Amino acid sequence: GSITLDTIAVAVPTDDNVITFYSEGYDKQYIID
């Protein structure tokens, strides 16, 4: 069963073909081309 613990996101699409995100608790910017 799926449970009430979860991973959540606030997101918007971009037109640069790059995924950029921050993850709470990690002092790092993730960039994936």
ModelCIF file with pLDDT and N, C-alpha, C, O atoms, coordinates in Angstrom:
data_MODEL
#
_entry.id   MODEL 
#
_entity.id                         1 
_entity.type                       polymer 
_entity.pdbx_number_of_molecules   1 
#
_entity_poly.entity_id                      1 
_entity_poly.type                           'polypeptide(L)' 
_entity_poly.nstd_linkage                   no 
_entity_poly.nstd_monomer                   no 
_entity_poly.pdbx_seq_one_letter_code       GSITLDTIAVAVPTDDNVITFYSEGYDKQYIID 
_entity_poly.pdbx_seq_one_letter_code_can   GSITLDTIAVAVPTDDNVITFYSEGYDKQYIID 
_entity_poly.pdbx_strand_id                 A 
#
loop_
_entity_poly_seq.entity_id 
_entity_poly_seq.num 
_entity_poly_seq.mon_id 
_entity_poly_seq.hetero 
1 1  GLY n 
1 2  SER n 
1 3  ILE n 
1 4  THR n 
1 5  LEU n 
1 6  ASP n 
1 7  THR n 
1 8  ILE n 
1 9  ALA n 
1 10 VAL n 
1 11 ALA n 
1 12 VAL n 
1 13 PRO n 
1 14 THR n 
1 15 ASP n 
1 16 ASP n 
1 17 ASN n 
1 18 VAL n 
1 19 ILE n 
1 20 THR n 
1 21 PHE n 
1 22 TYR n 
1 23 SER n 
1 24 GLU n 
1 25 GLY n 
1 26 TYR n 
1 27 ASP n 
1 28 LYS n 
1 29 GLN n 
1 30 TYR n 
1 31 ILE n 
1 32 ILE n 
1 33 ASP n 
#
_struct_asym.id          A 
_struct_asym.entity_id   1 
#
loop_
_ma_qa_metric.id 
_ma_qa_metric.mode 
_ma_qa_metric.name 
_ma_qa_metric.software_group_id 
_ma_qa_metric.type 
1 global pLDDT . pLDDT 
2 local  pLDDT . pLDDT 
#
_ma_qa_metric_global.metric_id      1 
_ma_qa_metric_global.metric_value   94.61 
_ma_qa_metric_global.model_id       1 
_ma_qa_metric_global.ordinal_id     1 
#
loop_
_ma_qa_metric_local.label_asym_id 
_ma_qa_metric_local.label_comp_id 
_ma_qa_metric_local.label_seq_id 
_ma_qa_metric_local.metric_id 
_ma_qa_metric_local.metric_value 
_ma_qa_metric_local.model_id 
_ma_qa_metric_local.ordinal_id 
A GLY 1  2 93.00 1 1  
A SER 2  2 94.00 1 2  
A ILE 3  2 93.00 1 3  
A THR 4  2 92.00 1 4  
A LEU 5  2 92.00 1 5  
A ASP 6  2 95.00 1 6  
A THR 7  2 97.00 1 7  
A ILE 8  2 98.00 1 8  
A ALA 9  2 98.00 1 9  
A VAL 10 2 98.00 1 10 
A ALA 11 2 98.00 1 11 
A VAL 12 2 97.00 1 12 
A PRO 13 2 97.00 1 13 
A THR 14 2 96.00 1 14 
A ASP 15 2 93.00 1 15 
A ASP 16 2 92.00 1 16 
A ASN 17 2 94.00 1 17 
A VAL 18 2 97.00 1 18 
A ILE 19 2 98.00 1 19 
A THR 20 2 98.00 1 20 
A PHE 21 2 96.00 1 21 
A TYR 22 2 97.00 1 22 
A SER 23 2 95.00 1 23 
A GLU 24 2 93.00 1 24 
A GLY 25 2 88.00 1 25 
A TYR 26 2 87.00 1 26 
A ASP 27 2 86.00 1 27 
A LYS 28 2 91.00 1 28 
A GLN 29 2 95.00 1 29 
A TYR 30 2 96.00 1 30 
A ILE 31 2 96.00 1 31 
A ILE 32 2 96.00 1 32 
A ASP 33 2 96.00 1 33 
#
loop_
_atom_site.group_PDB 
_atom_site.id 
_atom_site.type_symbol 
_atom_site.label_atom_id 
_atom_site.label_alt_id 
_atom_site.label_comp_id 
_atom_site.label_asym_id 
_atom_site.label_entity_id 
_atom_site.label_seq_id 
_atom_site.pdbx_PDB_ins_code 
_atom_site.Cartn_x 
_atom_site.Cartn_y 
_atom_site.Cartn_z 
_atom_site.occupancy 
_atom_site.B_iso_or_equiv 
_atom_site.pdbx_formal_charge 
_atom_site.auth_seq_id 
_atom_site.auth_comp_id 
_atom_site.auth_asym_id 
_atom_site.auth_atom_id 
_atom_site.pdbx_PDB_model_num 
ATOM 1   N N  . GLY A 1 1  ? 0.813  -1.204 0.000   1.00 93.00 ? 1  GLY A N  1 
ATOM 2   C CA . GLY A 1 1  ? 0.000  0.000  0.000   1.00 93.00 ? 1  GLY A CA 1 
ATOM 3   C C  . GLY A 1 1  ? 0.843  1.248  0.000   1.00 93.00 ? 1  GLY A C  1 
ATOM 4   O O  . GLY A 1 1  ? 1.909  1.289  0.614   1.00 93.00 ? 1  GLY A O  1 
ATOM 5   N N  . SER A 1 2  ? 0.367  2.269  -0.688  1.00 94.00 ? 2  SER A N  1 
ATOM 6   C CA . SER A 1 2  ? 0.992  3.588  -0.578  1.00 94.00 ? 2  SER A CA 1 
ATOM 7   C C  . SER A 1 2  ? 0.634  4.160  0.788   1.00 94.00 ? 2  SER A C  1 
ATOM 8   O O  . SER A 1 2  ? -0.451 3.894  1.305   1.00 94.00 ? 2  SER A O  1 
ATOM 9   N N  . ILE A 1 3  ? 1.533  4.941  1.375   1.00 93.00 ? 3  ILE A N  1 
ATOM 10  C CA . ILE A 1 3  ? 1.332  5.417  2.739   1.00 93.00 ? 3  ILE A CA 1 
ATOM 11  C C  . ILE A 1 3  ? 1.382  6.939  2.801   1.00 93.00 ? 3  ILE A C  1 
ATOM 12  O O  . ILE A 1 3  ? 1.695  7.613  1.819   1.00 93.00 ? 3  ILE A O  1 
ATOM 13  N N  . THR A 1 4  ? 1.066  7.457  3.978   1.00 92.00 ? 4  THR A N  1 
ATOM 14  C CA . THR A 1 4  ? 0.934  8.900  4.149   1.00 92.00 ? 4  THR A CA 1 
ATOM 15  C C  . THR A 1 4  ? 2.262  9.632  4.295   1.00 92.00 ? 4  THR A C  1 
ATOM 16  O O  . THR A 1 4  ? 2.267  10.862 4.334   1.00 92.00 ? 4  THR A O  1 
ATOM 17  N N  . LEU A 1 5  ? 3.376  8.933  4.376   1.00 92.00 ? 5  LEU A N  1 
ATOM 18  C CA . LEU A 1 5  ? 4.677  9.582  4.225   1.00 92.00 ? 5  LEU A CA 1 
ATOM 19  C C  . LEU A 1 5  ? 4.896  9.810  2.733   1.00 92.00 ? 5  LEU A C  1 
ATOM 20  O O  . LEU A 1 5  ? 4.606  8.927  1.926   1.00 92.00 ? 5  LEU A O  1 
ATOM 21  N N  . ASP A 1 6  ? 5.402  10.980 2.357   1.00 95.00 ? 6  ASP A N  1 
ATOM 22  C CA . ASP A 1 6  ? 5.551  11.229 0.924   1.00 95.00 ? 6  ASP A CA 1 
ATOM 23  C C  . ASP A 1 6  ? 6.676  12.208 0.608   1.00 95.00 ? 6  ASP A C  1 
ATOM 24  O O  . ASP A 1 6  ? 7.215  12.885 1.484   1.00 95.00 ? 6  ASP A O  1 
ATOM 25  N N  . THR A 1 7  ? 7.005  12.252 -0.675  1.00 97.00 ? 7  THR A N  1 
ATOM 26  C CA . THR A 1 7  ? 7.946  13.222 -1.232  1.00 97.00 ? 7  THR A CA 1 
ATOM 27  C C  . THR A 1 7  ? 7.135  14.211 -2.052  1.00 97.00 ? 7  THR A C  1 
ATOM 28  O O  . THR A 1 7  ? 6.341  13.814 -2.905  1.00 97.00 ? 7  THR A O  1 
ATOM 29  N N  . ILE A 1 8  ? 7.334  15.500 -1.796  1.00 98.00 ? 8  ILE A N  1 
ATOM 30  C CA . ILE A 1 8  ? 6.518  16.512 -2.455  1.00 98.00 ? 8  ILE A CA 1 
ATOM 31  C C  . ILE A 1 8  ? 7.404  17.487 -3.222  1.00 98.00 ? 8  ILE A C  1 
ATOM 32  O O  . ILE A 1 8  ? 8.600  17.608 -2.958  1.00 98.00 ? 8  ILE A O  1 
ATOM 33  N N  . ALA A 1 9  ? 6.785  18.181 -4.179  1.00 98.00 ? 9  ALA A N  1 
ATOM 34  C CA . ALA A 1 9  ? 7.538  19.147 -4.993  1.00 98.00 ? 9  ALA A CA 1 
ATOM 35  C C  . ALA A 1 9  ? 6.665  20.322 -5.383  1.00 98.00 ? 9  ALA A C  1 
ATOM 36  O O  . ALA A 1 9  ? 5.457  20.184 -5.574  1.00 98.00 ? 9  ALA A O  1 
ATOM 37  N N  . VAL A 1 10 ? 7.291  21.468 -5.496  1.00 98.00 ? 10 VAL A N  1 
ATOM 38  C CA . VAL A 1 10 ? 6.733  22.643 -6.166  1.00 98.00 ? 10 VAL A CA 1 
ATOM 39  C C  . VAL A 1 10 ? 7.564  22.815 -7.425  1.00 98.00 ? 10 VAL A C  1 
ATOM 40  O O  . VAL A 1 10 ? 8.786  22.931 -7.342  1.00 98.00 ? 10 VAL A O  1 
ATOM 41  N N  . ALA A 1 11 ? 6.923  22.833 -8.596  1.00 98.00 ? 11 ALA A N  1 
ATOM 42  C CA . ALA A 1 11 ? 7.694  22.801 -9.835  1.00 98.00 ? 11 ALA A CA 1 
ATOM 43  C C  . ALA A 1 11 ? 7.028  23.609 -10.947 1.00 98.00 ? 11 ALA A C  1 
ATOM 44  O O  . ALA A 1 11 ? 5.816  23.823 -10.952 1.00 98.00 ? 11 ALA A O  1 
ATOM 45  N N  . VAL A 1 12 ? 7.865  24.049 -11.889 1.00 97.00 ? 12 VAL A N  1 
ATOM 46  C CA . VAL A 1 12 ? 7.382  24.680 -13.128 1.00 97.00 ? 12 VAL A CA 1 
ATOM 47  C C  . VAL A 1 12 ? 8.218  24.134 -14.279 1.00 97.00 ? 12 VAL A C  1 
ATOM 48  O O  . VAL A 1 12 ? 9.402  23.848 -14.101 1.00 97.00 ? 12 VAL A O  1 
ATOM 49  N N  . PRO A 1 13 ? 7.606  23.984 -15.479 1.00 97.00 ? 13 PRO A N  1 
ATOM 50  C CA . PRO A 1 13 ? 8.381  23.533 -16.633 1.00 97.00 ? 13 PRO A CA 1 
ATOM 51  C C  . PRO A 1 13 ? 9.260  24.655 -17.176 1.00 97.00 ? 13 PRO A C  1 
ATOM 52  O O  . PRO A 1 13 ? 8.969  25.833 -16.970 1.00 97.00 ? 13 PRO A O  1 
ATOM 53  N N  . THR A 1 14 ? 10.323 24.288 -17.862 1.00 96.00 ? 14 THR A N  1 
ATOM 54  C CA . THR A 1 14 ? 11.213 25.259 -18.507 1.00 96.00 ? 14 THR A CA 1 
ATOM 55  C C  . THR A 1 14 ? 11.425 24.838 -19.954 1.00 96.00 ? 14 THR A C  1 
ATOM 56  O O  . THR A 1 14 ? 11.070 23.726 -20.345 1.00 96.00 ? 14 THR A O  1 
ATOM 57  N N  . ASP A 1 15 ? 12.005 25.731 -20.742 1.00 93.00 ? 15 ASP A N  1 
ATOM 58  C CA . ASP A 1 15 ? 12.243 25.412 -22.151 1.00 93.00 ? 15 ASP A CA 1 
ATOM 59  C C  . ASP A 1 15 ? 13.716 25.205 -22.460 1.00 93.00 ? 15 ASP A C  1 
ATOM 60  O O  . ASP A 1 15 ? 14.120 25.265 -23.622 1.00 93.00 ? 15 ASP A O  1 
ATOM 61  N N  . ASP A 1 16 ? 14.536 24.959 -21.416 1.00 92.00 ? 16 ASP A N  1 
ATOM 62  C CA . ASP A 1 16 ? 15.979 24.840 -21.636 1.00 92.00 ? 16 ASP A CA 1 
ATOM 63  C C  . ASP A 1 16 ? 16.492 23.399 -21.591 1.00 92.00 ? 16 ASP A C  1 
ATOM 64  O O  . ASP A 1 16 ? 17.699 23.177 -21.689 1.00 92.00 ? 16 ASP A O  1 
ATOM 65  N N  . ASN A 1 17 ? 15.588 22.403 -21.442 1.00 94.00 ? 17 ASN A N  1 
ATOM 66  C CA . ASN A 1 17 ? 15.981 20.988 -21.418 1.00 94.00 ? 17 ASN A CA 1 
ATOM 67  C C  . ASN A 1 17 ? 16.943 20.667 -20.278 1.00 94.00 ? 17 ASN A C  1 
ATOM 68  O O  . ASN A 1 17 ? 17.770 19.761 -20.377 1.00 94.00 ? 17 ASN A O  1 
ATOM 69  N N  . VAL A 1 18 ? 16.814 21.430 -19.196 1.00 97.00 ? 18 VAL A N  1 
ATOM 70  C CA . VAL A 1 18 ? 17.650 21.211 -18.015 1.00 97.00 ? 18 VAL A CA 1 
ATOM 71  C C  . VAL A 1 18 ? 16.742 21.102 -16.797 1.00 97.00 ? 18 VAL A C  1 
ATOM 72  O O  . VAL A 1 18 ? 15.826 21.905 -16.617 1.00 97.00 ? 18 VAL A O  1 
ATOM 73  N N  . ILE A 1 19 ? 17.007 20.101 -15.965 1.00 98.00 ? 19 ILE A N  1 
ATOM 74  C CA . ILE A 1 19 ? 16.293 19.959 -14.705 1.00 98.00 ? 19 ILE A CA 1 
ATOM 75  C C  . ILE A 1 19 ? 17.152 20.567 -13.607 1.00 98.00 ? 19 ILE A C  1 
ATOM 76  O O  . ILE A 1 19 ? 18.298 20.165 -13.408 1.00 98.00 ? 19 ILE A O  1 
ATOM 77  N N  . THR A 1 20 ? 16.589 21.537 -12.898 1.00 98.00 ? 20 THR A N  1 
ATOM 78  C CA . THR A 1 20 ? 17.290 22.211 -11.804 1.00 98.00 ? 20 THR A CA 1 
ATOM 79  C C  . THR A 1 20 ? 16.409 22.146 -10.567 1.00 98.00 ? 20 THR A C  1 
ATOM 80  O O  . THR A 1 20 ? 15.248 22.552 -10.609 1.00 98.00 ? 20 THR A O  1 
ATOM 81  N N  . PHE A 1 21 ? 16.954 21.638 -9.465  1.00 96.00 ? 21 PHE A N  1 
ATOM 82  C CA . PHE A 1 21 ? 16.131 21.592 -8.264  1.00 96.00 ? 21 PHE A CA 1 
ATOM 83  C C  . PHE A 1 21 ? 16.973 21.637 -6.996  1.00 96.00 ? 21 PHE A C  1 
ATOM 84  O O  . PHE A 1 21 ? 18.177 21.379 -7.002  1.00 96.00 ? 21 PHE A O  1 
ATOM 85  N N  . TYR A 1 22 ? 16.294 21.972 -5.922  1.00 97.00 ? 22 TYR A N  1 
ATOM 86  C CA . TYR A 1 22 ? 16.865 21.945 -4.579  1.00 97.00 ? 22 TYR A CA 1 
ATOM 87  C C  . TYR A 1 22 ? 16.067 20.936 -3.753  1.00 97.00 ? 22 TYR A C  1 
ATOM 88  O O  . TYR A 1 22 ? 14.857 20.795 -3.927  1.00 97.00 ? 22 TYR A O  1 
ATOM 89  N N  . SER A 1 23 ? 16.755 20.243 -2.862  1.00 95.00 ? 23 SER A N  1 
ATOM 90  C CA . SER A 1 23 ? 16.106 19.272 -1.989  1.00 95.00 ? 23 SER A CA 1 
ATOM 91  C C  . SER A 1 23 ? 16.299 19.706 -0.543  1.00 95.00 ? 23 SER A C  1 
ATOM 92  O O  . SER A 1 23 ? 17.424 19.925 -0.095  1.00 95.00 ? 23 SER A O  1 
ATOM 93  N N  . GLU A 1 24 ? 15.195 19.828 0.179   1.00 93.00 ? 24 GLU A N  1 
ATOM 94  C CA . GLU A 1 24 ? 15.246 20.300 1.561   1.00 93.00 ? 24 GLU A CA 1 
ATOM 95  C C  . GLU A 1 24 ? 16.206 19.450 2.393   1.00 93.00 ? 24 GLU A C  1 
ATOM 96  O O  . GLU A 1 24 ? 16.158 18.221 2.361   1.00 93.00 ? 24 GLU A O  1 
ATOM 97  N N  . GLY A 1 25 ? 17.065 20.122 3.127   1.00 88.00 ? 25 GLY A N  1 
ATOM 98  C CA . GLY A 1 25 ? 18.032 19.428 3.962   1.00 88.00 ? 25 GLY A CA 1 
ATOM 99  C C  . GLY A 1 25 ? 19.387 19.238 3.314   1.00 88.00 ? 25 GLY A C  1 
ATOM 100 O O  . GLY A 1 25 ? 20.337 18.804 3.966   1.00 88.00 ? 25 GLY A O  1 
ATOM 101 N N  . TYR A 1 26 ? 19.482 19.561 2.027   1.00 87.00 ? 26 TYR A N  1 
ATOM 102 C CA . TYR A 1 26 ? 20.743 19.421 1.304   1.00 87.00 ? 26 TYR A CA 1 
ATOM 103 C C  . TYR A 1 26 ? 21.163 20.785 0.760   1.00 87.00 ? 26 TYR A C  1 
ATOM 104 O O  . TYR A 1 26 ? 20.404 21.427 0.033   1.00 87.00 ? 26 TYR A O  1 
ATOM 105 N N  . ASP A 1 27 ? 22.355 21.220 1.106   1.00 86.00 ? 27 ASP A N  1 
ATOM 106 C CA . ASP A 1 27 ? 22.859 22.521 0.694   1.00 86.00 ? 27 ASP A CA 1 
ATOM 107 C C  . ASP A 1 27 ? 23.510 22.390 -0.682  1.00 86.00 ? 27 ASP A C  1 
ATOM 108 O O  . ASP A 1 27 ? 24.726 22.508 -0.833  1.00 86.00 ? 27 ASP A O  1 
ATOM 109 N N  . LYS A 1 28 ? 22.653 22.139 -1.687  1.00 91.00 ? 28 LYS A N  1 
ATOM 110 C CA . LYS A 1 28 ? 23.194 21.852 -3.010  1.00 91.00 ? 28 LYS A CA 1 
ATOM 111 C C  . LYS A 1 28 ? 22.142 22.137 -4.072  1.00 91.00 ? 28 LYS A C  1 
ATOM 112 O O  . LYS A 1 28 ? 20.953 21.893 -3.867  1.00 91.00 ? 28 LYS A O  1 
ATOM 113 N N  . GLN A 1 29 ? 22.591 22.653 -5.200  1.00 95.00 ? 29 GLN A N  1 
ATOM 114 C CA . GLN A 1 29 ? 21.719 22.806 -6.357  1.00 95.00 ? 29 GLN A CA 1 
ATOM 115 C C  . GLN A 1 29 ? 22.005 21.650 -7.309  1.00 95.00 ? 29 GLN A C  1 
ATOM 116 O O  . GLN A 1 29 ? 23.144 21.447 -7.729  1.00 95.00 ? 29 GLN A O  1 
ATOM 117 N N  . TYR A 1 30 ? 20.968 20.900 -7.641  1.00 96.00 ? 30 TYR A N  1 
ATOM 118 C CA . TYR A 1 30 ? 21.116 19.787 -8.585  1.00 96.00 ? 30 TYR A CA 1 
ATOM 119 C C  . TYR A 1 30 ? 20.794 20.289 -9.987  1.00 96.00 ? 30 TYR A C  1 
ATOM 120 O O  . TYR A 1 30 ? 19.770 20.938 -10.204 1.00 96.00 ? 30 TYR A O  1 
ATOM 121 N N  . ILE A 1 31 ? 21.676 19.984 -10.937 1.00 96.00 ? 31 ILE A N  1 
ATOM 122 C CA . ILE A 1 31 ? 21.476 20.384 -12.330 1.00 96.00 ? 31 ILE A CA 1 
ATOM 123 C C  . ILE A 1 31 ? 21.726 19.171 -13.213 1.00 96.00 ? 31 ILE A C  1 
ATOM 124 O O  . ILE A 1 31 ? 22.811 18.589 -13.183 1.00 96.00 ? 31 ILE A O  1 
ATOM 125 N N  . ILE A 1 32 ? 20.722 18.789 -14.002 1.00 96.00 ? 32 ILE A N  1 
ATOM 126 C CA . ILE A 1 32 ? 20.853 17.653 -14.907 1.00 96.00 ? 32 ILE A CA 1 
ATOM 127 C C  . ILE A 1 32 ? 20.523 18.121 -16.316 1.00 96.00 ? 32 ILE A C  1 
ATOM 128 O O  . ILE A 1 32 ? 19.389 18.501 -16.605 1.00 96.00 ? 32 ILE A O  1 
ATOM 129 N N  . ASP A 1 33 ? 21.514 18.092 -17.181 1.00 96.00 ? 33 ASP A N  1 
ATOM 130 C CA . ASP A 1 33 ? 21.333 18.471 -18.582 1.00 96.00 ? 33 ASP A CA 1 
ATOM 131 C C  . ASP A 1 33 ? 20.797 17.253 -19.337 1.00 96.00 ? 33 ASP A C  1 
ATOM 132 O O  . ASP A 1 33 ? 20.564 17.328 -20.543 1.00 96.00 ? 33 ASP A O  1 
#
